[in-house]
Amino acid sequence: MKALFTACFLLGLASLAHAADGPTLSEKHSCSSCHSATTKMVGPAYKTIATKYNADYKKNAKAVEAKLLAKIAKGGDGVWGSTPMPGLNVPAPEALTLVRWVLTQK
């Protein structure tokens, strides 16, 4: 039981650390070239993305994470307008951190 508690505690700390990494990863992978926190640029604002997906995220986090991870990896178009998003070569753990961070934006 103690091991389970410790594992859950450490996972919680890791989640907090990842949330703090969001802005750094956004810069590192050039996300901020097309997105900002609250203003539409080439792509939608992080806040707008969070607003669109948060209701579904509360119901099925894994499905929303998978959808947004695929958008990062493969790119996409038509969801936010006519400008396509290119696929990006972001390592999976960093992409997941980005997705989770974006979904916290308000």
C-alpha atoms as a PDB file:
ATOM      1  CA  MET A   1       0.000   0.000   0.000  1.00  0.00           C
ATOM      2  CA  LYS A   2       2.830   2.377   0.851  1.00  0.00           C
ATOM      3  CA  ALA A   3       4.440   1.699  -2.536  1.00  0.00           C
ATOM      4  CA  LEU A   4       1.160   2.479  -4.312  1.00  0.00           C
ATOM      5  CA  PHE A   5       0.797   5.745  -2.410  1.00  0.00           C
ATOM      6  CA  THR A   6       4.392   6.705  -3.212  1.00  0.00           C
ATOM      7  CA  ALA A   7       3.898   5.933  -6.910  1.00  0.00           C
ATOM      8  CA  CYS A   8       0.723   8.043  -7.048  1.00  0.00           C
ATOM      9  CA  PHE A   9       2.445  10.887  -5.235  1.00  0.00           C
ATOM     10  CA  LEU A  10       5.401  10.841  -7.628  1.00  0.00           C
ATOM     11  CA  LEU A  11       3.097  10.748 -10.650  1.00  0.00           C
ATOM     12  CA  GLY A  12       1.294  13.781  -9.273  1.00  0.00           C
ATOM     13  CA  LEU A  13       4.572  15.637  -8.888  1.00  0.00           C
ATOM     14  CA  ALA A  14       5.558  14.674 -12.425  1.00  0.00           C
ATOM     15  CA  SER A  15       2.268  16.077 -13.723  1.00  0.00           C
ATOM     16  CA  LEU A  16       2.907  19.394 -12.004  1.00  0.00           C
ATOM     17  CA  ALA A  17       6.423  19.521 -13.402  1.00  0.00           C
ATOM     18  CA  HIS A  18       5.132  18.812 -16.906  1.00  0.00           C
ATOM     19  CA  ALA A  19       2.581  21.622 -16.672  1.00  0.00           C
ATOM     20  CA  ALA A  20       5.402  24.037 -15.887  1.00  0.00           C
ATOM     21  CA  ASP A  21       7.297  22.757 -18.949  1.00  0.00           C
ATOM     22  CA  GLY A  22       4.493  23.710 -21.355  1.00  0.00           C
ATOM     23  CA  PRO A  23       5.717  27.213 -22.213  1.00  0.00           C
ATOM     24  CA  THR A  24       9.304  25.996 -22.575  1.00  0.00           C
ATOM     25  CA  LEU A  25       8.267  23.163 -24.898  1.00  0.00           C
ATOM     26  CA  SER A  26       6.049  25.528 -26.867  1.00  0.00           C
ATOM     27  CA  GLU A  27       9.096  27.666 -27.589  1.00  0.00           C
ATOM     28  CA  LYS A  28      11.415  24.699 -28.177  1.00  0.00           C
ATOM     29  CA  HIS A  29       9.166  23.146 -30.826  1.00  0.00           C
ATOM     30  CA  SER A  30       8.159  26.506 -32.386  1.00  0.00           C
ATOM     31  CA  CYS A  31       4.477  26.125 -31.435  1.00  0.00           C
ATOM     32  CA  SER A  32       4.555  29.745 -30.341  1.00  0.00           C
ATOM     33  CA  SER A  33       5.402  30.752 -33.912  1.00  0.00           C
ATOM     34  CA  CYS A  34       1.748  30.122 -34.803  1.00  0.00           C
ATOM     35  CA  HIS A  35      -0.071  30.034 -31.435  1.00  0.00           C
ATOM     36  CA  SER A  36      -0.290  32.349 -28.446  1.00  0.00           C
ATOM     37  CA  ALA A  37      -1.992  32.061 -25.086  1.00  0.00           C
ATOM     38  CA  THR A  38      -5.076  34.168 -25.792  1.00  0.00           C
ATOM     39  CA  THR A  39      -4.860  35.649 -29.300  1.00  0.00           C
ATOM     40  CA  LYS A  40      -5.418  33.959 -32.652  1.00  0.00           C
ATOM     41  CA  MET A  41      -2.315  34.140 -34.790  1.00  0.00           C
ATOM     42  CA  VAL A  42      -1.721  31.777 -37.718  1.00  0.00           C
ATOM     43  CA  GLY A  43      -3.369  29.107 -35.575  1.00  0.00           C
ATOM     44  CA  PRO A  44      -5.880  29.343 -32.748  1.00  0.00           C
ATOM     45  CA  ALA A  45      -4.985  30.587 -29.278  1.00  0.00           C
ATOM     46  CA  TYR A  46      -4.233  27.931 -26.687  1.00  0.00           C
ATOM     47  CA  LYS A  47      -7.225  29.198 -24.715  1.00  0.00           C
ATOM     48  CA  THR A  48      -9.491  28.607 -27.735  1.00  0.00           C
ATOM     49  CA  ILE A  49      -8.172  25.078 -28.164  1.00  0.00           C
ATOM     50  CA  ALA A  50      -8.748  24.353 -24.482  1.00  0.00           C
ATOM     51  CA  THR A  51     -12.285  25.735 -24.648  1.00  0.00           C
ATOM     52  CA  LYS A  52     -13.104  23.550 -27.678  1.00  0.00           C
ATOM     53  CA  TYR A  53     -11.826  20.310 -26.160  1.00  0.00           C
ATOM     54  CA  ASN A  54     -12.256  20.639 -22.377  1.00  0.00           C
ATOM     55  CA  ALA A  55     -15.813  19.274 -22.120  1.00  0.00           C
ATOM     56  CA  ASP A  56     -14.799  16.151 -24.034  1.00  0.00           C
ATOM     57  CA  TYR A  57     -11.533  15.970 -22.085  1.00  0.00           C
ATOM     58  CA  LYS A  58     -13.435  15.722 -18.820  1.00  0.00           C
ATOM     59  CA  LYS A  59     -15.444  12.813 -20.237  1.00  0.00           C
ATOM     60  CA  ASN A  60     -12.657  10.936 -22.032  1.00  0.00           C
ATOM     61  CA  ALA A  61      -9.197  12.376 -21.478  1.00  0.00           C
ATOM     62  CA  LYS A  62      -7.367   9.596 -23.316  1.00  0.00           C
ATOM     63  CA  ALA A  63      -9.400  10.080 -26.507  1.00  0.00           C
ATOM     64  CA  VAL A  64      -8.837  13.848 -26.568  1.00  0.00           C
ATOM     65  CA  GLU A  65      -5.149  13.419 -25.810  1.00  0.00           C
ATOM     66  CA  ALA A  66      -4.842  10.885 -28.658  1.00  0.00           C
ATOM     67  CA  LYS A  67      -6.639  13.228 -31.072  1.00  0.00           C
ATOM     68  CA  LEU A  68      -4.428  16.193 -30.227  1.00  0.00           C
ATOM     69  CA  LEU A  69      -1.259  14.080 -30.218  1.00  0.00           C
ATOM     70  CA  ALA A  70      -2.154  12.969 -33.742  1.00  0.00           C
ATOM     71  CA  LYS A  71      -2.630  16.624 -34.761  1.00  0.00           C
ATOM     72  CA  ILE A  72       0.834  17.464 -33.472  1.00  0.00           C
ATOM     73  CA  ALA A  73       2.453  14.466 -35.195  1.00  0.00           C
ATOM     74  CA  LYS A  74       0.548  14.468 -38.494  1.00  0.00           C
ATOM     75  CA  GLY A  75      -0.736  18.012 -38.753  1.00  0.00           C
ATOM     76  CA  GLY A  76      -4.212  18.828 -39.934  1.00  0.00           C
ATOM     77  CA  ASP A  77      -6.461  21.335 -41.617  1.00  0.00           C
ATOM     78  CA  GLY A  78     -10.011  22.539 -41.738  1.00  0.00           C
ATOM     79  CA  VAL A  79     -10.663  22.602 -37.990  1.00  0.00           C
ATOM     80  CA  TRP A  80      -9.640  26.215 -37.397  1.00  0.00           C
ATOM     81  CA  GLY A  81      -9.692  27.663 -40.879  1.00  0.00           C
ATOM     82  CA  SER A  82      -7.939  27.209 -44.172  1.00  0.00           C
ATOM     83  CA  THR A  83      -4.328  27.360 -42.951  1.00  0.00           C
ATOM     84  CA  PRO A  84      -3.047  23.810 -42.405  1.00  0.00           C
ATOM     85  CA  MET A  85      -0.937  22.853 -39.421  1.00  0.00           C
ATOM     86  CA  PRO A  86       2.154  20.913 -40.430  1.00  0.00           C
ATOM     87  CA  GLY A  87       3.074  17.715 -38.659  1.00  0.00           C
ATOM     88  CA  LEU A  88       5.817  18.252 -36.115  1.00  0.00           C
ATOM     89  CA  ASN A  89       8.566  15.934 -34.956  1.00  0.00           C
ATOM     90  CA  VAL A  90       7.928  16.258 -31.223  1.00  0.00           C
ATOM     91  CA  PRO A  91       8.934  13.337 -28.978  1.00  0.00           C
ATOM     92  CA  ALA A  92       5.812  11.634 -27.580  1.00  0.00           C
ATOM     93  CA  PRO A  93       6.410  12.533 -23.903  1.00  0.00           C
ATOM     94  CA  GLU A  94       6.943  16.193 -24.804  1.00  0.00           C
ATOM     95  CA  ALA A  95       3.904  16.215 -27.091  1.00  0.00           C
ATOM     96  CA  LEU A  96       1.771  14.803 -24.280  1.00  0.00           C
ATOM     97  CA  THR A  97       3.093  17.478 -21.931  1.00  0.00           C
ATOM     98  CA  LEU A  98       2.175  20.128 -24.502  1.00  0.00           C
ATOM     99  CA  VAL A  99      -1.328  18.722 -24.975  1.00  0.00           C
ATOM    100  CA  ARG A 100      -1.995  18.587 -21.259  1.00  0.00           C
ATOM    101  CA  TRP A 101      -0.620  22.088 -20.778  1.00  0.00           C
ATOM    102  CA  VAL A 102      -2.679  23.564 -23.626  1.00  0.00           C
ATOM    103  CA  LEU A 103      -5.825  22.020 -22.150  1.00  0.00           C
ATOM    104  CA  THR A 104      -5.196  23.900 -18.879  1.00  0.00           C
ATOM    105  CA  GLN A 105      -5.205  27.316 -20.560  1.00  0.00           C
ATOM    106  CA  LYS A 106      -8.056  29.634 -19.565  1.00  0.00           C
END
